Amino acid sequence: MAYKIVYTHLANIDVVRAIEYYLLVAGKKIVKSFYRELLSAEKTLRNTAYFEKIYKDFHRFPLRKFPYIIIYKVNEENKTVLIYRIFHTAQNPEKYPN
């Protein structure tokens, strides 16, 4: 059974900020590429939710072409992957969710 993907409010804000940034500095083609990669990551997490465990129940999944890591938890009871943040790898590590 596939997992359902759910974004927290902060994760949604992270996605919007990334898109706004890429629109400003790189253009629509890069935004589309970023969004496609994010959708591809969701597809992977739907089918195989358990990737590198980083802290307690938190896991991370890096995007391939962009410097972002998806920080998430898996809820086996209701078969969901809850995405907490889309963390830019150049951000201050003290902001890393825990």
N, C-alpha and C. Protein backbone atom coordinates (compact mmCIF):
# COMPACT_ATOMS: atom_id res chain seq x y z
N MET A 1 0.84 -1.19 0.00
CA MET A 1 0.00 0.00 0.00
C MET A 1 0.88 1.24 0.00
N ALA A 2 0.59 2.18 -0.83
CA ALA A 2 1.36 3.41 -0.94
C ALA A 2 1.05 4.34 0.22
N TYR A 3 2.04 5.11 0.58
CA TYR A 3 1.89 6.11 1.64
C TYR A 3 1.30 7.39 1.06
N LYS A 4 0.54 8.09 1.88
CA LYS A 4 0.00 9.39 1.50
C LYS A 4 1.03 10.45 1.93
N ILE A 5 1.26 11.44 1.08
CA ILE A 5 2.21 12.51 1.38
C ILE A 5 1.43 13.70 1.95
N VAL A 6 1.87 14.21 3.11
CA VAL A 6 1.25 15.36 3.76
C VAL A 6 2.34 16.35 4.10
N TYR A 7 2.13 17.61 3.75
CA TYR A 7 3.09 18.68 4.06
C TYR A 7 2.61 19.47 5.27
N THR A 8 3.55 19.83 6.15
CA THR A 8 3.22 20.76 7.22
C THR A 8 3.17 22.17 6.63
N HIS A 9 2.65 23.08 7.39
CA HIS A 9 2.59 24.48 6.96
C HIS A 9 4.01 25.00 6.66
N LEU A 10 4.96 24.68 7.53
CA LEU A 10 6.34 25.15 7.32
C LEU A 10 6.96 24.54 6.06
N ALA A 11 6.66 23.30 5.77
CA ALA A 11 7.18 22.67 4.55
C ALA A 11 6.59 23.36 3.32
N ASN A 12 5.31 23.71 3.36
CA ASN A 12 4.71 24.44 2.25
C ASN A 12 5.38 25.79 2.05
N ILE A 13 5.67 26.48 3.14
CA ILE A 13 6.37 27.76 3.06
C ILE A 13 7.76 27.56 2.45
N ASP A 14 8.46 26.50 2.84
CA ASP A 14 9.78 26.20 2.28
C ASP A 14 9.71 26.03 0.76
N VAL A 15 8.69 25.33 0.30
CA VAL A 15 8.53 25.10 -1.15
C VAL A 15 8.26 26.42 -1.86
N VAL A 16 7.38 27.23 -1.31
CA VAL A 16 7.05 28.53 -1.92
C VAL A 16 8.30 29.41 -1.97
N ARG A 17 9.07 29.44 -0.90
CA ARG A 17 10.29 30.26 -0.88
C ARG A 17 11.31 29.78 -1.92
N ALA A 18 11.45 28.48 -2.05
CA ALA A 18 12.38 27.94 -3.05
C ALA A 18 11.93 28.33 -4.46
N ILE A 19 10.65 28.20 -4.72
CA ILE A 19 10.12 28.55 -6.04
C ILE A 19 10.30 30.04 -6.31
N GLU A 20 10.00 30.87 -5.33
CA GLU A 20 10.17 32.32 -5.50
C GLU A 20 11.63 32.67 -5.76
N TYR A 21 12.54 32.02 -5.04
CA TYR A 21 13.96 32.27 -5.23
C TYR A 21 14.40 31.87 -6.64
N TYR A 22 14.04 30.67 -7.07
CA TYR A 22 14.44 30.22 -8.40
C TYR A 22 13.80 31.06 -9.51
N LEU A 23 12.59 31.53 -9.30
CA LEU A 23 11.97 32.44 -10.28
C LEU A 23 12.78 33.72 -10.40
N LEU A 24 13.23 34.22 -9.28
CA LEU A 24 13.97 35.48 -9.24
C LEU A 24 15.35 35.35 -9.88
N VAL A 25 16.08 34.28 -9.57
CA VAL A 25 17.47 34.19 -10.02
C VAL A 25 17.70 33.29 -11.22
N ALA A 26 16.75 32.39 -11.54
CA ALA A 26 17.03 31.42 -12.60
C ALA A 26 15.94 31.31 -13.65
N GLY A 27 14.72 31.62 -13.32
CA GLY A 27 13.64 31.58 -14.31
C GLY A 27 12.73 30.38 -14.20
N LYS A 28 11.71 30.39 -15.07
CA LYS A 28 10.64 29.39 -15.02
C LYS A 28 11.12 27.98 -15.33
N LYS A 29 12.09 27.85 -16.21
CA LYS A 29 12.58 26.52 -16.58
C LYS A 29 13.17 25.81 -15.35
N ILE A 30 13.92 26.51 -14.56
CA ILE A 30 14.51 25.92 -13.35
C ILE A 30 13.43 25.64 -12.31
N VAL A 31 12.44 26.53 -12.21
CA VAL A 31 11.32 26.30 -11.28
C VAL A 31 10.61 25.01 -11.66
N LYS A 32 10.34 24.82 -12.94
CA LYS A 32 9.68 23.59 -13.39
C LYS A 32 10.52 22.37 -13.08
N SER A 33 11.83 22.48 -13.27
CA SER A 33 12.73 21.37 -12.96
C SER A 33 12.72 21.05 -11.47
N PHE A 34 12.75 22.09 -10.63
CA PHE A 34 12.70 21.91 -9.18
C PHE A 34 11.39 21.22 -8.79
N TYR A 35 10.29 21.69 -9.34
CA TYR A 35 8.98 21.13 -8.99
C TYR A 35 8.87 19.68 -9.45
N ARG A 36 9.36 19.37 -10.64
CA ARG A 36 9.35 17.98 -11.12
C ARG A 36 10.18 17.08 -10.20
N GLU A 37 11.32 17.60 -9.76
CA GLU A 37 12.15 16.79 -8.86
C GLU A 37 11.45 16.57 -7.52
N LEU A 38 10.77 17.58 -7.03
CA LEU A 38 10.01 17.44 -5.78
C LEU A 38 8.91 16.39 -5.94
N LEU A 39 8.21 16.42 -7.06
CA LEU A 39 7.17 15.42 -7.33
C LEU A 39 7.77 14.01 -7.45
N SER A 40 8.93 13.91 -8.05
CA SER A 40 9.61 12.62 -8.16
C SER A 40 10.00 12.09 -6.78
N ALA A 41 10.46 12.99 -5.91
CA ALA A 41 10.80 12.59 -4.54
C ALA A 41 9.55 12.11 -3.80
N GLU A 42 8.43 12.81 -3.99
CA GLU A 42 7.17 12.37 -3.38
C GLU A 42 6.80 10.97 -3.84
N LYS A 43 6.95 10.72 -5.13
CA LYS A 43 6.62 9.40 -5.68
C LYS A 43 7.48 8.33 -5.02
N THR A 44 8.76 8.61 -4.87
CA THR A 44 9.67 7.66 -4.22
C THR A 44 9.25 7.42 -2.78
N LEU A 45 8.92 8.49 -2.05
CA LEU A 45 8.52 8.35 -0.65
C LEU A 45 7.18 7.64 -0.50
N ARG A 46 6.30 7.79 -1.48
CA ARG A 46 5.02 7.07 -1.43
C ARG A 46 5.23 5.57 -1.44
N ASN A 47 6.22 5.14 -2.19
CA ASN A 47 6.45 3.71 -2.37
C ASN A 47 7.46 3.12 -1.40
N THR A 48 8.43 3.91 -0.98
CA THR A 48 9.48 3.45 -0.07
C THR A 48 9.76 4.57 0.91
N ALA A 49 9.08 4.58 2.02
CA ALA A 49 9.12 5.73 2.92
C ALA A 49 10.35 5.78 3.82
N TYR A 50 11.01 4.68 4.01
CA TYR A 50 12.09 4.67 4.99
C TYR A 50 13.45 4.89 4.35
N PHE A 51 13.96 6.12 4.50
CA PHE A 51 15.31 6.44 4.07
C PHE A 51 16.10 6.81 5.31
N GLU A 52 17.22 7.42 5.15
CA GLU A 52 18.14 7.67 6.26
C GLU A 52 17.47 8.29 7.47
N LYS A 53 17.60 7.62 8.59
CA LYS A 53 17.08 8.13 9.86
C LYS A 53 18.11 9.10 10.42
N ILE A 54 17.64 10.28 10.83
CA ILE A 54 18.60 11.28 11.30
C ILE A 54 18.46 11.62 12.77
N TYR A 55 17.25 11.54 13.32
CA TYR A 55 17.05 11.89 14.72
C TYR A 55 15.72 11.34 15.16
N LYS A 56 15.74 10.52 16.17
CA LYS A 56 14.52 9.87 16.67
C LYS A 56 13.73 9.29 15.50
N ASP A 57 12.54 9.82 15.24
CA ASP A 57 11.70 9.29 14.15
C ASP A 57 11.82 10.08 12.85
N PHE A 58 12.73 11.04 12.80
CA PHE A 58 12.89 11.85 11.60
C PHE A 58 13.80 11.15 10.59
N HIS A 59 13.42 11.29 9.33
CA HIS A 59 14.21 10.75 8.23
C HIS A 59 14.52 11.90 7.27
N ARG A 60 15.49 11.64 6.38
CA ARG A 60 15.76 12.66 5.36
C ARG A 60 15.92 11.99 4.00
N PHE A 61 15.54 12.77 3.00
CA PHE A 61 15.65 12.32 1.62
C PHE A 61 16.16 13.49 0.79
N PRO A 62 17.38 13.39 0.24
CA PRO A 62 17.92 14.51 -0.54
C PRO A 62 17.37 14.55 -1.96
N LEU A 63 17.16 15.76 -2.44
CA LEU A 63 16.84 15.92 -3.85
C LEU A 63 18.13 15.72 -4.64
N ARG A 64 18.03 15.23 -5.85
CA ARG A 64 19.22 14.90 -6.64
C ARG A 64 19.91 16.13 -7.22
N LYS A 65 19.16 17.01 -7.86
CA LYS A 65 19.75 18.11 -8.61
C LYS A 65 19.76 19.44 -7.85
N PHE A 66 19.03 19.51 -6.79
CA PHE A 66 18.91 20.77 -6.06
C PHE A 66 19.39 20.57 -4.62
N PRO A 67 19.92 21.63 -4.00
CA PRO A 67 20.51 21.49 -2.65
C PRO A 67 19.47 21.51 -1.53
N TYR A 68 18.52 20.58 -1.59
CA TYR A 68 17.47 20.50 -0.59
C TYR A 68 17.37 19.09 -0.05
N ILE A 69 16.97 19.00 1.21
CA ILE A 69 16.72 17.72 1.87
C ILE A 69 15.29 17.75 2.40
N ILE A 70 14.55 16.70 2.13
CA ILE A 70 13.20 16.58 2.68
C ILE A 70 13.32 15.93 4.05
N ILE A 71 12.81 16.61 5.06
CA ILE A 71 12.81 16.11 6.44
C ILE A 71 11.39 15.63 6.73
N TYR A 72 11.26 14.37 7.15
CA TYR A 72 9.92 13.80 7.30
C TYR A 72 9.87 12.72 8.38
N LYS A 73 8.64 12.38 8.76
CA LYS A 73 8.35 11.25 9.64
C LYS A 73 7.35 10.35 8.93
N VAL A 74 7.38 9.07 9.29
CA VAL A 74 6.45 8.10 8.73
C VAL A 74 5.47 7.68 9.82
N ASN A 75 4.19 7.70 9.49
CA ASN A 75 3.16 7.22 10.40
C ASN A 75 2.59 5.93 9.80
N GLU A 76 2.96 4.80 10.40
CA GLU A 76 2.53 3.51 9.88
C GLU A 76 1.04 3.25 10.09
N GLU A 77 0.47 3.81 11.16
CA GLU A 77 -0.94 3.57 11.44
C GLU A 77 -1.84 4.05 10.32
N ASN A 78 -1.60 5.29 9.87
CA ASN A 78 -2.46 5.81 8.80
C ASN A 78 -1.74 5.91 7.46
N LYS A 79 -0.57 5.25 7.37
CA LYS A 79 0.19 5.16 6.12
C LYS A 79 0.44 6.53 5.49
N THR A 80 1.01 7.44 6.28
CA THR A 80 1.34 8.76 5.77
C THR A 80 2.82 9.06 5.96
N VAL A 81 3.32 9.88 5.07
CA VAL A 81 4.64 10.48 5.20
C VAL A 81 4.38 11.96 5.45
N LEU A 82 4.73 12.42 6.65
CA LEU A 82 4.51 13.82 7.01
C LEU A 82 5.81 14.58 6.77
N ILE A 83 5.79 15.45 5.78
CA ILE A 83 6.96 16.26 5.45
C ILE A 83 6.96 17.49 6.33
N TYR A 84 7.99 17.58 7.18
CA TYR A 84 8.10 18.69 8.12
C TYR A 84 8.76 19.91 7.49
N ARG A 85 9.83 19.70 6.75
CA ARG A 85 10.57 20.81 6.14
C ARG A 85 11.19 20.36 4.83
N ILE A 86 11.41 21.33 3.97
CA ILE A 86 12.23 21.16 2.78
C ILE A 86 13.44 22.03 3.08
N PHE A 87 14.49 21.41 3.57
CA PHE A 87 15.63 22.12 4.17
C PHE A 87 16.72 22.36 3.14
N HIS A 88 17.07 23.63 2.93
CA HIS A 88 18.17 23.97 2.03
C HIS A 88 19.48 23.65 2.74
N THR A 89 20.36 22.94 2.06
CA THR A 89 21.57 22.44 2.71
C THR A 89 22.55 23.54 3.12
N ALA A 90 22.37 24.77 2.61
CA ALA A 90 23.25 25.87 3.00
C ALA A 90 22.67 26.65 4.18
N GLN A 91 21.51 26.25 4.68
CA GLN A 91 20.91 26.93 5.82
C GLN A 91 21.70 26.64 7.09
N ASN A 92 21.47 27.46 8.06
CA ASN A 92 22.08 27.29 9.37
C ASN A 92 21.65 25.95 9.96
N PRO A 93 22.59 25.05 10.29
CA PRO A 93 22.20 23.75 10.83
C PRO A 93 21.45 23.83 12.15
N GLU A 94 21.54 24.96 12.86
CA GLU A 94 20.78 25.10 14.11
C GLU A 94 19.28 25.16 13.83
N LYS A 95 18.90 25.50 12.57
CA LYS A 95 17.50 25.52 12.20
C LYS A 95 16.99 24.15 11.80
N TYR A 96 17.89 23.17 11.75
CA TYR A 96 17.55 21.80 11.36
C TYR A 96 16.50 21.27 12.33
N PRO A 97 15.38 20.78 11.84
CA PRO A 97 14.31 20.32 12.76
C PRO A 97 14.76 19.15 13.64
N ASN A 98 14.33 19.17 14.87
CA ASN A 98 14.60 18.03 15.76
C ASN A 98 13.45 17.81 16.69
